[in-house]
């Protein structure tokens, strides 16, 4: 986590610019423990912590042409997290991935 000069807490160093959509709180009102809870409750942040965005990086231009301007995974994260249109697609993908993972896990438990 990074605390910016204005007190905003980010889950990463935010090399593509301080991405407003991934702010975890402000250090004046939010403890680091609370910021960590926000990071794990947020579906998008939880997913990129566990899996990263590299799999989106290659397929993203096919899904949304505006991601052609992404020059790194960090830049892609900024574009994706600030776009309502692409964010909805990513959230659907994450939901599908969680459902797939849950099914695999349950199949293993009850096998």
Protein backbone atom coordinates (compact mmCIF):
# COMPACT_ATOMS: atom_id res chain seq x y z
CA UNK A 1 0.00 0.00 0.00
CA UNK A 2 1.02 3.56 -0.64
CA UNK A 3 -0.06 6.72 1.18
CA UNK A 4 0.01 9.67 -1.19
CA UNK A 5 1.07 13.20 -0.22
CA UNK A 6 -2.60 14.16 0.27
CA UNK A 7 -3.24 11.19 2.58
CA UNK A 8 -5.07 8.99 0.07
CA UNK A 9 -4.28 5.30 0.45
CA UNK A 10 -3.72 3.21 -2.68
CA UNK A 11 -3.30 -0.58 -2.96
CA UNK A 12 -0.22 -0.10 -5.16
CA UNK A 13 2.26 2.56 -6.23
CA UNK A 14 -0.18 3.69 -8.95
CA UNK A 15 2.56 4.29 -11.53
CA UNK A 16 0.03 5.35 -14.17
CA UNK A 17 -1.16 8.21 -12.01
CA UNK A 18 -3.16 8.13 -8.85
CA UNK A 19 -6.24 6.27 -10.00
CA UNK A 20 -9.24 7.65 -8.09
CA UNK A 21 -11.31 4.51 -8.53
CA UNK A 22 -8.90 2.40 -6.45
CA UNK A 23 -8.47 4.74 -3.45
CA UNK A 24 -8.86 2.74 -0.25
CA UNK A 25 -9.50 5.74 1.97
CA UNK A 26 -7.58 8.62 3.46
CA UNK A 27 -5.09 8.14 6.26
CA UNK A 28 -6.79 10.92 8.26
CA UNK A 29 -10.02 8.90 8.58
CA UNK A 30 -9.05 5.34 7.63
CA UNK A 31 -6.72 3.00 9.52
CA UNK A 32 -4.45 0.74 7.50
CA UNK A 33 -6.44 -2.26 8.79
CA UNK A 34 -9.64 -0.68 7.41
CA UNK A 35 -7.89 0.08 4.11
CA UNK A 36 -6.86 -3.58 3.85
CA UNK A 37 -10.47 -4.63 4.45
CA UNK A 38 -11.61 -2.31 1.66
CA UNK A 39 -8.99 -3.83 -0.66
CA UNK A 40 -10.19 -7.37 0.05
CA UNK A 41 -13.91 -6.53 -0.08
CA UNK A 42 -13.61 -4.82 -3.46
CA UNK A 43 -14.12 -7.53 -6.07
CA UNK A 44 -11.87 -5.89 -8.67
CA UNK A 45 -8.99 -5.20 -6.28
CA UNK A 46 -9.25 -8.65 -4.75
CA UNK A 47 -9.06 -10.23 -8.19
CA UNK A 48 -6.05 -8.25 -9.36
CA UNK A 49 -4.27 -8.98 -6.07
CA UNK A 50 -4.74 -12.69 -6.65
CA UNK A 51 -4.45 -12.95 -10.44
CA UNK A 52 -3.15 -9.66 -11.78
CA UNK A 53 -4.30 -8.12 -15.06
CA UNK A 54 -1.86 -9.77 -17.42
CA UNK A 55 -4.54 -12.04 -18.90
CA UNK A 56 -6.60 -8.94 -19.69
CA UNK A 57 -3.62 -7.19 -21.26
CA UNK A 58 -3.53 -9.40 -24.37
CA UNK A 59 -7.29 -9.72 -24.87
CA UNK A 60 -8.40 -6.25 -23.78
CA UNK A 61 -8.01 -4.52 -27.18
CA UNK A 62 -10.38 -7.11 -28.65
CA UNK A 63 -12.95 -6.38 -25.94
CA UNK A 64 -12.57 -2.62 -25.87
CA UNK A 65 -10.55 -0.61 -28.41
CA UNK A 66 -9.78 2.19 -25.92
CA UNK A 67 -7.36 -0.17 -24.18
CA UNK A 68 -5.09 -0.02 -27.24
CA UNK A 69 -3.47 3.00 -25.63
CA UNK A 70 -2.42 0.98 -22.58
CA UNK A 71 1.35 0.60 -22.54
CA UNK A 72 1.62 -1.45 -19.36
CA UNK A 73 -0.49 -3.54 -17.01
CA UNK A 74 -0.60 -0.58 -14.59
CA UNK A 75 -1.92 1.67 -17.36
CA UNK A 76 -4.48 -0.99 -18.28
CA UNK A 77 -5.62 -1.11 -14.65
CA UNK A 78 -6.19 2.65 -14.69
CA UNK A 79 -8.14 2.50 -17.97
CA UNK A 80 -10.22 -0.49 -16.85
CA UNK A 81 -10.98 0.79 -13.36
CA UNK A 82 -11.98 4.25 -14.60
CA UNK A 83 -14.26 3.01 -17.40
CA UNK A 84 -17.82 2.11 -16.43
CA UNK A 85 -18.27 0.21 -19.71
CA UNK A 86 -15.12 -1.88 -19.39
CA UNK A 87 -15.52 -2.16 -15.63
CA UNK A 88 -18.87 -3.90 -16.11
CA UNK A 89 -17.26 -6.39 -18.50
CA UNK A 90 -14.42 -7.04 -16.06
CA UNK A 91 -16.84 -7.51 -13.17
CA UNK A 92 -18.84 -10.05 -15.20
CA UNK A 93 -15.59 -11.87 -16.01
CA UNK A 94 -14.59 -11.84 -12.33
CA UNK A 95 -18.03 -13.18 -11.33
CA UNK A 96 -17.67 -15.97 -13.87
CA UNK A 97 -14.16 -16.75 -12.60
CA UNK A 98 -15.32 -16.87 -8.98
CA UNK A 99 -18.24 -19.12 -9.94
CA UNK A 100 -15.87 -21.41 -11.86
CA UNK A 101 -13.42 -21.52 -8.93
CA UNK A 102 -16.27 -22.24 -6.48
CA UNK A 103 -17.51 -25.12 -8.62
CA UNK A 104 -14.02 -26.63 -8.90
CA UNK A 105 -13.54 -26.29 -5.14
CA UNK A 106 -16.92 -27.83 -4.33
CA UNK A 107 -16.29 -30.67 -6.79
CA UNK A 108 -13.04 -31.43 -4.98
CA UNK A 109 -14.71 -31.35 -1.57
CA UNK A 110 -17.58 -33.62 -2.56
CA UNK A 111 -15.62 -35.93 -4.88
